[in-house]
Amino acid sequence: MSNPILFINACVRRESRTKRLADALLLKLGQPFDEVRLGSLAFPAVDENFLNERDRLAAAADLGSPVLALAAQFARAERIVIAAPYWDLSFPAALKQYLEQINVVGVTFAYTEMGVPVGLCRAKQLFYVTSAGGPDVPQEYGYGYVRALARDYYGIPDVRLIAAQGLDVYGADAEAVLQAAEADIAAMPS
């Protein structure tokens, strides 16, 4: 049996500011969680052979297969927390690789006869936690991409952004910015 929360950790640095915020959120949520540390996974190349095998396993509903394990875990989660620092107008590449692994027809979503995606995921809520050195980070990049997948493909209606920005701006008090974000997390309704 898996825990109610799935924590997808795309943080690389040991002293990650994003991970610090994610830890505060997980504490606030107060439920056990399973962590997927993306930095410790070796993702297979998504080539034609991989896609054919994945499609075959999904059609056979072989959710016990290692090829579908991450997608099945994601689909079962009751709540999802993704921690991904803002990098290069997006997020770390490992998160994109993870999303390619879980985006599986018949596991995390299906298509209607008209070709419209319908979510198959159990989660009703996804938190996207991030931090950025610069100010005014455009939401449509990293967070916007994940939000669109969560809502439009996976069927997760409540997608929330938790962010601390401007941490590396000259003269900024990064600790104060992080503490303010942590206070916002602590004040969230349960």
N, C-alpha and C. Protein backbone atom coordinates (compact mmCIF):
# COMPACT_ATOMS: atom_id res chain seq x y z
N MET A 1 0.84 -1.18 0.00
CA MET A 1 0.00 0.00 0.00
C MET A 1 0.89 1.24 0.00
N SER A 2 0.59 2.18 -0.84
CA SER A 2 1.39 3.39 -0.90
C SER A 2 0.82 4.45 0.04
N ASN A 3 1.62 5.43 0.33
CA ASN A 3 1.21 6.54 1.19
C ASN A 3 0.31 7.49 0.41
N PRO A 4 -0.45 8.35 1.13
CA PRO A 4 -1.40 9.22 0.45
C PRO A 4 -0.76 10.31 -0.42
N ILE A 5 0.47 10.72 -0.08
CA ILE A 5 1.12 11.80 -0.83
C ILE A 5 2.29 11.24 -1.62
N LEU A 6 2.41 11.68 -2.87
CA LEU A 6 3.57 11.37 -3.69
C LEU A 6 4.39 12.64 -3.80
N PHE A 7 5.64 12.58 -3.35
CA PHE A 7 6.55 13.71 -3.39
C PHE A 7 7.57 13.47 -4.50
N ILE A 8 7.52 14.29 -5.52
CA ILE A 8 8.44 14.19 -6.65
C ILE A 8 9.51 15.26 -6.44
N ASN A 9 10.71 14.83 -6.14
CA ASN A 9 11.80 15.71 -5.75
C ASN A 9 12.77 15.87 -6.91
N ALA A 10 12.72 17.05 -7.55
CA ALA A 10 13.63 17.36 -8.65
C ALA A 10 14.75 18.29 -8.19
N CYS A 11 14.95 18.41 -6.90
CA CYS A 11 15.99 19.28 -6.35
C CYS A 11 17.34 18.57 -6.41
N VAL A 12 18.34 19.31 -6.75
CA VAL A 12 19.67 18.73 -6.94
C VAL A 12 20.61 19.09 -5.79
N ARG A 13 20.56 20.32 -5.37
CA ARG A 13 21.49 20.79 -4.34
C ARG A 13 21.12 20.27 -2.95
N ARG A 14 22.14 19.98 -2.16
CA ARG A 14 21.93 19.50 -0.80
C ARG A 14 21.20 20.56 0.04
N GLU A 15 21.53 21.81 -0.14
CA GLU A 15 20.90 22.92 0.59
C GLU A 15 19.88 23.62 -0.31
N SER A 16 19.07 22.87 -0.99
CA SER A 16 18.09 23.42 -1.93
C SER A 16 17.03 24.26 -1.22
N ARG A 17 16.84 25.46 -1.72
CA ARG A 17 15.81 26.33 -1.17
C ARG A 17 14.42 25.81 -1.54
N THR A 18 14.31 25.23 -2.73
CA THR A 18 13.03 24.64 -3.13
C THR A 18 12.68 23.47 -2.23
N LYS A 19 13.65 22.63 -1.93
CA LYS A 19 13.41 21.47 -1.05
C LYS A 19 13.00 21.94 0.34
N ARG A 20 13.60 23.01 0.79
CA ARG A 20 13.24 23.57 2.10
C ARG A 20 11.75 23.93 2.12
N LEU A 21 11.26 24.57 1.06
CA LEU A 21 9.83 24.92 0.99
C LEU A 21 8.96 23.67 0.88
N ALA A 22 9.43 22.69 0.10
CA ALA A 22 8.67 21.44 -0.03
C ALA A 22 8.59 20.73 1.31
N ASP A 23 9.66 20.74 2.08
CA ASP A 23 9.64 20.12 3.40
C ASP A 23 8.62 20.80 4.30
N ALA A 24 8.55 22.13 4.23
CA ALA A 24 7.56 22.87 5.03
C ALA A 24 6.14 22.49 4.60
N LEU A 25 5.92 22.35 3.30
CA LEU A 25 4.59 21.96 2.81
C LEU A 25 4.24 20.55 3.24
N LEU A 26 5.16 19.62 3.11
CA LEU A 26 4.89 18.24 3.52
C LEU A 26 4.58 18.16 5.01
N LEU A 27 5.28 18.95 5.81
CA LEU A 27 4.99 19.01 7.24
C LEU A 27 3.58 19.55 7.47
N LYS A 28 3.21 20.59 6.74
CA LYS A 28 1.88 21.19 6.86
C LYS A 28 0.79 20.18 6.47
N LEU A 29 1.02 19.44 5.39
CA LEU A 29 0.02 18.47 4.94
C LEU A 29 -0.17 17.35 5.94
N GLY A 30 0.89 17.02 6.68
CA GLY A 30 0.79 16.11 7.81
C GLY A 30 0.39 14.69 7.50
N GLN A 31 0.75 14.19 6.33
CA GLN A 31 0.43 12.81 5.96
C GLN A 31 1.71 12.12 5.51
N PRO A 32 1.74 10.79 5.62
CA PRO A 32 2.90 10.07 5.11
C PRO A 32 3.03 10.27 3.59
N PHE A 33 4.27 10.19 3.12
CA PHE A 33 4.49 10.37 1.68
C PHE A 33 5.55 9.41 1.17
N ASP A 34 5.43 9.12 -0.11
CA ASP A 34 6.47 8.39 -0.83
C ASP A 34 7.25 9.40 -1.64
N GLU A 35 8.57 9.32 -1.59
CA GLU A 35 9.42 10.26 -2.32
C GLU A 35 10.05 9.60 -3.53
N VAL A 36 9.97 10.28 -4.65
CA VAL A 36 10.68 9.89 -5.86
C VAL A 36 11.76 10.93 -6.06
N ARG A 37 13.01 10.52 -5.82
CA ARG A 37 14.16 11.42 -5.99
C ARG A 37 14.64 11.29 -7.43
N LEU A 38 14.31 12.27 -8.23
CA LEU A 38 14.61 12.17 -9.66
C LEU A 38 16.10 12.08 -9.95
N GLY A 39 16.91 12.69 -9.11
CA GLY A 39 18.36 12.63 -9.31
C GLY A 39 18.95 11.25 -9.14
N SER A 40 18.22 10.35 -8.50
CA SER A 40 18.75 9.00 -8.28
C SER A 40 18.20 7.99 -9.29
N LEU A 41 17.37 8.45 -10.22
CA LEU A 41 16.81 7.54 -11.22
C LEU A 41 17.61 7.60 -12.52
N ALA A 42 17.71 6.46 -13.17
CA ALA A 42 18.31 6.40 -14.51
C ALA A 42 17.17 6.17 -15.49
N PHE A 43 16.77 7.22 -16.16
CA PHE A 43 15.65 7.11 -17.08
C PHE A 43 16.08 6.46 -18.39
N PRO A 44 15.26 5.53 -18.90
CA PRO A 44 15.59 4.94 -20.19
C PRO A 44 15.38 5.96 -21.31
N ALA A 45 16.08 5.75 -22.40
CA ALA A 45 15.89 6.61 -23.56
C ALA A 45 14.48 6.40 -24.09
N VAL A 46 13.80 7.49 -24.37
CA VAL A 46 12.46 7.40 -24.95
C VAL A 46 12.64 7.37 -26.47
N ASP A 47 12.81 6.16 -26.96
CA ASP A 47 12.94 5.96 -28.40
C ASP A 47 11.78 5.10 -28.89
N GLU A 48 11.78 4.74 -30.15
CA GLU A 48 10.67 3.99 -30.70
C GLU A 48 10.48 2.64 -30.01
N ASN A 49 11.58 1.95 -29.72
CA ASN A 49 11.47 0.65 -29.04
C ASN A 49 10.84 0.80 -27.66
N PHE A 50 11.27 1.82 -26.92
CA PHE A 50 10.71 2.06 -25.60
C PHE A 50 9.21 2.35 -25.69
N LEU A 51 8.84 3.24 -26.61
CA LEU A 51 7.42 3.61 -26.76
C LEU A 51 6.57 2.41 -27.15
N ASN A 52 7.07 1.57 -28.05
CA ASN A 52 6.32 0.38 -28.46
C ASN A 52 6.12 -0.57 -27.28
N GLU A 53 7.16 -0.77 -26.49
CA GLU A 53 7.06 -1.65 -25.33
C GLU A 53 6.11 -1.06 -24.29
N ARG A 54 6.21 0.23 -24.04
CA ARG A 54 5.33 0.87 -23.08
C ARG A 54 3.87 0.78 -23.54
N ASP A 55 3.62 1.02 -24.81
CA ASP A 55 2.25 0.92 -25.35
C ASP A 55 1.70 -0.49 -25.21
N ARG A 56 2.57 -1.48 -25.46
CA ARG A 56 2.15 -2.88 -25.35
C ARG A 56 1.78 -3.21 -23.91
N LEU A 57 2.62 -2.80 -22.97
CA LEU A 57 2.37 -3.07 -21.55
C LEU A 57 1.12 -2.33 -21.05
N ALA A 58 0.93 -1.11 -21.50
CA ALA A 58 -0.25 -0.34 -21.09
C ALA A 58 -1.51 -0.98 -21.65
N ALA A 59 -1.48 -1.43 -22.89
CA ALA A 59 -2.64 -2.08 -23.49
C ALA A 59 -2.99 -3.37 -22.75
N ALA A 60 -1.97 -4.04 -22.23
CA ALA A 60 -2.19 -5.28 -21.47
C ALA A 60 -2.50 -5.00 -19.99
N ALA A 61 -2.51 -3.72 -19.63
CA ALA A 61 -2.74 -3.29 -18.24
C ALA A 61 -1.75 -3.96 -17.28
N ASP A 62 -0.49 -4.09 -17.72
CA ASP A 62 0.57 -4.70 -16.91
C ASP A 62 1.22 -3.63 -16.03
N LEU A 63 0.48 -3.16 -15.01
CA LEU A 63 0.96 -2.08 -14.16
C LEU A 63 2.07 -2.52 -13.22
N GLY A 64 2.34 -3.81 -13.15
CA GLY A 64 3.44 -4.31 -12.34
C GLY A 64 4.78 -4.22 -13.06
N SER A 65 4.75 -3.90 -14.32
CA SER A 65 5.99 -3.80 -15.10
C SER A 65 6.81 -2.59 -14.65
N PRO A 66 8.13 -2.74 -14.56
CA PRO A 66 8.98 -1.59 -14.22
C PRO A 66 8.81 -0.42 -15.20
N VAL A 67 8.45 -0.71 -16.43
CA VAL A 67 8.28 0.34 -17.43
C VAL A 67 7.10 1.26 -17.06
N LEU A 68 6.10 0.71 -16.39
CA LEU A 68 4.91 1.48 -16.03
C LEU A 68 4.84 1.84 -14.55
N ALA A 69 5.85 1.47 -13.79
CA ALA A 69 5.80 1.64 -12.33
C ALA A 69 5.62 3.10 -11.91
N LEU A 70 6.36 4.02 -12.50
CA LEU A 70 6.23 5.43 -12.11
C LEU A 70 4.86 5.98 -12.48
N ALA A 71 4.36 5.61 -13.65
CA ALA A 71 3.04 6.08 -14.08
C ALA A 71 1.95 5.54 -13.16
N ALA A 72 2.05 4.26 -12.81
CA ALA A 72 1.04 3.65 -11.92
C ALA A 72 1.09 4.31 -10.54
N GLN A 73 2.28 4.58 -10.03
CA GLN A 73 2.43 5.23 -8.74
C GLN A 73 1.80 6.63 -8.77
N PHE A 74 2.06 7.37 -9.84
CA PHE A 74 1.50 8.72 -10.00
C PHE A 74 -0.03 8.66 -10.05
N ALA A 75 -0.56 7.72 -10.81
CA ALA A 75 -2.01 7.60 -10.98
C ALA A 75 -2.71 7.24 -9.66
N ARG A 76 -2.04 6.50 -8.78
CA ARG A 76 -2.63 6.07 -7.50
C ARG A 76 -2.59 7.14 -6.42
N ALA A 77 -1.69 8.10 -6.53
CA ALA A 77 -1.48 9.07 -5.45
C ALA A 77 -2.74 9.88 -5.18
N GLU A 78 -2.97 10.17 -3.90
CA GLU A 78 -4.11 10.99 -3.50
C GLU A 78 -3.80 12.48 -3.61
N ARG A 79 -2.56 12.84 -3.33
CA ARG A 79 -2.06 14.22 -3.45
C ARG A 79 -0.65 14.13 -4.00
N ILE A 80 -0.26 15.17 -4.73
CA ILE A 80 1.07 15.18 -5.34
C ILE A 80 1.77 16.49 -5.02
N VAL A 81 3.02 16.39 -4.62
CA VAL A 81 3.88 17.55 -4.39
C VAL A 81 5.08 17.41 -5.32
N ILE A 82 5.29 18.41 -6.16
CA ILE A 82 6.46 18.44 -7.03
C ILE A 82 7.35 19.58 -6.57
N ALA A 83 8.60 19.29 -6.28
CA ALA A 83 9.58 20.30 -5.90
C ALA A 83 10.59 20.42 -7.04
N ALA A 84 10.59 21.58 -7.70
CA ALA A 84 11.46 21.78 -8.86
C ALA A 84 11.95 23.21 -8.90
N PRO A 85 13.26 23.42 -8.71
CA PRO A 85 13.77 24.79 -8.80
C PRO A 85 13.60 25.34 -10.22
N TYR A 86 13.51 26.65 -10.31
CA TYR A 86 13.36 27.32 -11.59
C TYR A 86 14.74 27.39 -12.25
N TRP A 87 14.88 26.67 -13.35
CA TRP A 87 16.15 26.63 -14.08
C TRP A 87 15.89 26.90 -15.55
N ASP A 88 16.69 27.77 -16.13
CA ASP A 88 16.68 27.97 -17.59
C ASP A 88 15.27 28.11 -18.15
N LEU A 89 14.47 28.99 -17.55
CA LEU A 89 13.09 29.26 -17.96
C LEU A 89 12.16 28.07 -17.79
N SER A 90 12.54 27.12 -16.96
CA SER A 90 11.72 25.93 -16.80
C SER A 90 12.05 25.25 -15.48
N PHE A 91 12.45 23.99 -15.56
CA PHE A 91 12.78 23.17 -14.40
C PHE A 91 13.88 22.21 -14.81
N PRO A 92 14.49 21.49 -13.86
CA PRO A 92 15.56 20.54 -14.22
C PRO A 92 15.08 19.49 -15.22
N ALA A 93 15.97 19.08 -16.10
CA ALA A 93 15.64 18.12 -17.17
C ALA A 93 15.09 16.81 -16.62
N ALA A 94 15.51 16.42 -15.43
CA ALA A 94 15.03 15.16 -14.86
C ALA A 94 13.51 15.17 -14.68
N LEU A 95 12.93 16.34 -14.41
CA LEU A 95 11.47 16.41 -14.27
C LEU A 95 10.81 16.18 -15.62
N LYS A 96 11.36 16.71 -16.68
CA LYS A 96 10.81 16.45 -18.01
C LYS A 96 10.91 14.96 -18.34
N GLN A 97 12.03 14.34 -18.00
CA GLN A 97 12.17 12.90 -18.23
C GLN A 97 11.14 12.12 -17.42
N TYR A 98 10.91 12.52 -16.19
CA TYR A 98 9.90 11.87 -15.36
C TYR A 98 8.52 12.00 -16.00
N LEU A 99 8.19 13.20 -16.43
CA LEU A 99 6.87 13.42 -17.05
C LEU A 99 6.70 12.57 -18.31
N GLU A 100 7.77 12.38 -19.06
CA GLU A 100 7.70 11.49 -20.23
C GLU A 100 7.42 10.05 -19.82
N GLN A 101 7.91 9.65 -18.65
CA GLN A 101 7.69 8.28 -18.18
C GLN A 101 6.27 8.06 -17.68
N ILE A 102 5.66 9.11 -17.10
CA ILE A 102 4.33 8.92 -16.51
C ILE A 102 3.20 9.27 -17.47
N ASN A 103 3.49 9.91 -18.56
CA ASN A 103 2.45 10.33 -19.51
C ASN A 103 2.08 9.12 -20.38
N VAL A 104 1.26 8.24 -19.82
CA VAL A 104 0.97 6.95 -20.45
C VAL A 104 -0.54 6.79 -20.67
N VAL A 105 -0.91 6.65 -21.94
CA VAL A 105 -2.31 6.41 -22.28
C VAL A 105 -2.75 5.10 -21.62
N GLY A 106 -3.88 5.15 -20.95
CA GLY A 106 -4.40 3.96 -20.28
C GLY A 106 -3.97 3.86 -18.83
N VAL A 107 -3.04 4.70 -18.40
CA VAL A 107 -2.59 4.68 -17.00
C VAL A 107 -2.88 6.02 -16.33
N THR A 108 -2.32 7.11 -16.86
CA THR A 108 -2.56 8.42 -16.26
C THR A 108 -3.62 9.22 -17.01
N PHE A 109 -3.91 8.84 -18.24
CA PHE A 109 -4.97 9.50 -19.01
C PHE A 109 -5.42 8.58 -20.13
N ALA A 110 -6.54 8.93 -20.72
CA ALA A 110 -7.07 8.21 -21.89
C ALA A 110 -7.58 9.26 -22.86
N TYR A 111 -7.93 8.83 -24.05
CA TYR A 111 -8.51 9.74 -25.03
C TYR A 111 -9.97 9.36 -25.28
N THR A 112 -10.82 10.38 -25.46
CA THR A 112 -12.19 10.12 -25.87
C THR A 112 -12.19 9.79 -27.36
N GLU A 113 -13.34 9.42 -27.87
CA GLU A 113 -13.46 9.14 -29.31
C GLU A 113 -13.12 10.35 -30.15
N MET A 114 -13.27 11.54 -29.58
CA MET A 114 -12.96 12.78 -30.29
C MET A 114 -11.50 13.19 -30.12
N GLY A 115 -10.71 12.38 -29.42
CA GLY A 115 -9.30 12.67 -29.23
C GLY A 115 -8.99 13.64 -28.10
N VAL A 116 -9.93 13.86 -27.23
CA VAL A 116 -9.74 14.75 -26.09
C VAL A 116 -9.21 13.93 -24.91
N PRO A 117 -8.12 14.39 -24.25
CA PRO A 117 -7.61 13.64 -23.10
C PRO A 117 -8.55 13.72 -21.90
N VAL A 118 -8.64 12.60 -21.18
CA VAL A 118 -9.43 12.48 -19.97
C VAL A 118 -8.53 11.89 -18.89
N GLY A 119 -8.47 12.56 -17.75
CA GLY A 119 -7.58 12.11 -16.68
C GLY A 119 -8.03 10.82 -16.02
N LEU A 120 -7.04 10.01 -15.68
CA LEU A 120 -7.28 8.76 -14.97
C LEU A 120 -6.64 8.76 -13.58
N CYS A 121 -6.08 9.90 -13.17
CA CYS A 121 -5.37 9.97 -11.89
C CYS A 121 -6.35 10.18 -10.75
N ARG A 122 -6.00 9.61 -9.62
CA ARG A 122 -6.81 9.68 -8.42
C ARG A 122 -6.70 11.04 -7.72
N ALA A 123 -5.54 11.68 -7.82
CA ALA A 123 -5.28 12.93 -7.09
C ALA A 123 -6.25 14.03 -7.51
N LYS A 124 -6.64 14.79 -6.54
CA LYS A 124 -7.48 15.96 -6.78
C LYS A 124 -6.68 17.25 -6.55
N GLN A 125 -5.44 17.09 -6.08
CA GLN A 125 -4.64 18.26 -5.75
C GLN A 125 -3.17 17.99 -6.05
N LEU A 126 -2.53 19.00 -6.67
CA LEU A 126 -1.10 18.94 -6.96
C LEU A 126 -0.50 20.28 -6.56
N PHE A 127 0.58 20.23 -5.81
CA PHE A 127 1.34 21.42 -5.42
C PHE A 127 2.64 21.44 -6.21
N TYR A 128 2.93 22.57 -6.83
CA TYR A 128 4.19 22.76 -7.55
C TYR A 128 5.00 23.76 -6.74
N VAL A 129 6.09 23.31 -6.15
CA VAL A 129 6.92 24.13 -5.27
C VAL A 129 8.20 24.49 -6.01
N THR A 130 8.52 25.79 -6.01
CA THR A 130 9.71 26.22 -6.72
C THR A 130 10.33 27.43 -6.03
N SER A 131 11.57 27.70 -6.38
CA SER A 131 12.24 28.92 -5.94
C SER A 131 13.08 29.41 -7.11
N ALA A 132 13.29 30.74 -7.12
CA ALA A 132 14.03 31.34 -8.22
C ALA A 132 14.91 32.46 -7.70
N GLY A 133 16.08 32.56 -8.29
CA GLY A 133 16.98 33.64 -7.92
C GLY A 133 16.48 34.99 -8.38
N GLY A 134 15.85 35.02 -9.55
CA GLY A 134 15.36 36.28 -10.11
C GLY A 134 13.94 36.60 -9.68
N PRO A 135 13.54 37.85 -9.92
CA PRO A 135 12.17 38.25 -9.58
C PRO A 135 11.22 38.03 -10.76
N ASP A 136 9.95 38.04 -10.47
CA ASP A 136 8.91 38.03 -11.51
C ASP A 136 9.09 36.92 -12.54
N VAL A 137 9.24 35.71 -12.07
CA VAL A 137 9.40 34.55 -12.95
C VAL A 137 8.07 34.29 -13.67
N PRO A 138 8.07 34.21 -14.99
CA PRO A 138 6.82 33.95 -15.71
C PRO A 138 6.28 32.56 -15.36
N GLN A 139 5.02 32.50 -14.94
CA GLN A 139 4.42 31.24 -14.53
C GLN A 139 4.20 30.29 -15.69
N GLU A 140 4.08 30.79 -16.90
CA GLU A 140 3.74 29.91 -18.02
C GLU A 140 4.85 28.92 -18.37
N TYR A 141 6.03 29.12 -17.88
CA TYR A 141 7.11 28.21 -18.23
C TYR A 141 7.02 26.92 -17.40
N GLY A 142 7.82 26.75 -16.40
CA GLY A 142 7.83 25.49 -15.65
C GLY A 142 6.50 25.14 -15.04
N TYR A 143 5.96 26.02 -14.20
CA TYR A 143 4.70 25.75 -13.52
C TYR A 143 3.55 25.62 -14.52
N GLY A 144 3.48 26.49 -15.49
CA GLY A 144 2.39 26.46 -16.47
C GLY A 144 2.33 25.15 -17.23
N TYR A 145 3.48 24.62 -17.57
CA TYR A 145 3.55 23.35 -18.28
C TYR A 145 2.99 22.20 -17.41
N VAL A 146 3.45 22.16 -16.17
CA VAL A 146 2.99 21.10 -15.25
C VAL A 146 1.50 21.28 -14.96
N ARG A 147 1.06 22.51 -14.77
CA ARG A 147 -0.36 22.77 -14.51
C ARG A 147 -1.23 22.29 -15.68
N ALA A 148 -0.80 22.56 -16.91
CA ALA A 148 -1.56 22.12 -18.08
C ALA A 148 -1.64 20.60 -18.15
N LEU A 149 -0.52 19.91 -17.92
CA LEU A 149 -0.55 18.44 -17.92
C LEU A 149 -1.48 17.92 -16.82
N ALA A 150 -1.35 18.49 -15.62
CA ALA A 150 -2.13 18.01 -14.48
C ALA A 150 -3.63 18.17 -14.72
N ARG A 151 -4.03 19.33 -15.18
CA ARG A 151 -5.46 19.60 -15.39
C ARG A 151 -5.98 18.93 -16.66
N ASP A 152 -5.29 19.15 -17.77
CA ASP A 152 -5.82 18.76 -19.08
C ASP A 152 -5.61 17.29 -19.42
N TYR A 153 -4.58 16.68 -18.86
CA TYR A 153 -4.32 15.27 -19.15
C TYR A 153 -4.64 14.36 -17.97
N TYR A 154 -4.14 14.70 -16.80
CA TYR A 154 -4.25 13.78 -15.67
C TYR A 154 -5.55 13.94 -14.89
N GLY A 155 -6.29 15.02 -15.14
CA GLY A 155 -7.57 15.22 -14.47
C GLY A 155 -7.45 15.71 -13.03
N ILE A 156 -6.37 16.40 -12.71
CA ILE A 156 -6.16 16.92 -11.35
C ILE A 156 -6.66 18.38 -11.35
N PRO A 157 -7.79 18.64 -10.71
CA PRO A 157 -8.41 19.95 -10.84
C PRO A 157 -7.75 21.07 -10.04
N ASP A 158 -7.17 20.76 -8.90
CA ASP A 158 -6.63 21.78 -8.01
C ASP A 158 -5.10 21.75 -8.09
N VAL A 159 -4.54 22.68 -8.84
CA VAL A 159 -3.09 22.76 -9.03
C VAL A 159 -2.64 24.10 -8.46
N ARG A 160 -1.72 24.05 -7.51
CA ARG A 160 -1.30 25.26 -6.80
C ARG A 160 0.20 25.49 -6.91
N LEU A 161 0.56 26.75 -7.01
CA LEU A 161 1.96 27.17 -7.06
C LEU A 161 2.38 27.71 -5.70
N ILE A 162 3.51 27.22 -5.22
CA ILE A 162 4.16 27.76 -4.03
C ILE A 162 5.55 28.17 -4.47
N ALA A 163 5.85 29.47 -4.35
CA ALA A 163 7.11 29.96 -4.90
C ALA A 163 7.75 31.00 -4.01
N ALA A 164 9.07 31.02 -4.04
CA ALA A 164 9.87 32.09 -3.44
C ALA A 164 10.74 32.62 -4.57
N GLN A 165 10.63 33.90 -4.85
CA GLN A 165 11.36 34.49 -5.97
C GLN A 165 12.25 35.64 -5.50
N GLY A 166 13.19 36.02 -6.36
CA GLY A 166 14.07 37.14 -6.07
C GLY A 166 15.13 36.83 -5.03
N LEU A 167 15.43 35.55 -4.86
CA LEU A 167 16.36 35.16 -3.81
C LEU A 167 17.80 35.61 -4.06
N ASP A 168 18.17 35.79 -5.32
CA ASP A 168 19.55 36.15 -5.63
C ASP A 168 19.68 37.58 -6.16
N VAL A 169 18.65 38.37 -6.04
CA VAL A 169 18.70 39.77 -6.46
C VAL A 169 19.62 40.52 -5.51
N TYR A 170 20.46 41.36 -6.07
CA TYR A 170 21.41 42.12 -5.26
C TYR A 170 20.67 42.88 -4.15
N GLY A 171 21.10 42.66 -2.93
CA GLY A 171 20.50 43.35 -1.79
C GLY A 171 19.31 42.62 -1.18
N ALA A 172 18.85 41.55 -1.81
CA ALA A 172 17.70 40.83 -1.28
C ALA A 172 18.09 40.07 -0.01
N ASP A 173 17.13 39.95 0.88
CA ASP A 173 17.31 39.15 2.08
C ASP A 173 16.67 37.79 1.79
N ALA A 174 17.46 36.88 1.23
CA ALA A 174 16.94 35.58 0.80
C ALA A 174 16.30 34.82 1.95
N GLU A 175 16.88 34.91 3.12
CA GLU A 175 16.32 34.21 4.28
C GLU A 175 14.94 34.76 4.62
N ALA A 176 14.78 36.06 4.55
CA ALA A 176 13.47 36.66 4.84
C ALA A 176 12.43 36.24 3.80
N VAL A 177 12.84 36.16 2.54
CA VAL A 177 11.92 35.72 1.47
C VAL A 177 11.49 34.28 1.72
N LEU A 178 12.43 33.43 2.08
CA LEU A 178 12.11 32.03 2.36
C LEU A 178 11.21 31.90 3.59
N GLN A 179 11.49 32.66 4.61
CA GLN A 179 10.67 32.62 5.82
C GLN A 179 9.25 33.10 5.53
N ALA A 180 9.12 34.10 4.68
CA ALA A 180 7.77 34.59 4.31
C ALA A 180 7.01 33.50 3.55
N ALA A 181 7.69 32.81 2.67
CA ALA A 181 7.04 31.70 1.93
C ALA A 181 6.65 30.58 2.88
N GLU A 182 7.52 30.28 3.84
CA GLU A 182 7.19 29.26 4.83
C GLU A 182 6.00 29.68 5.70
N ALA A 183 5.91 30.97 6.03
CA ALA A 183 4.78 31.46 6.81
C ALA A 183 3.48 31.34 6.00
N ASP A 184 3.56 31.60 4.69
CA ASP A 184 2.39 31.44 3.82
C ASP A 184 1.94 29.98 3.80
N ILE A 185 2.90 29.07 3.75
CA ILE A 185 2.59 27.63 3.77
C ILE A 185 1.91 27.28 5.09
N ALA A 186 2.47 27.75 6.20
CA ALA A 186 1.92 27.43 7.53
C ALA A 186 0.50 27.98 7.68
N ALA A 187 0.19 29.09 7.00
CA ALA A 187 -1.13 29.72 7.11
C ALA A 187 -2.16 29.11 6.17
N MET A 188 -1.73 28.24 5.28
CA MET A 188 -2.68 27.62 4.34
C MET A 188 -3.71 26.79 5.10
N PRO A 189 -4.95 26.77 4.61
CA PRO A 189 -5.92 25.84 5.23
C PRO A 189 -5.48 24.40 4.99
N SER A 190 -5.78 23.54 5.91
CA SER A 190 -5.36 22.14 5.79
C SER A 190 -6.16 21.38 4.77
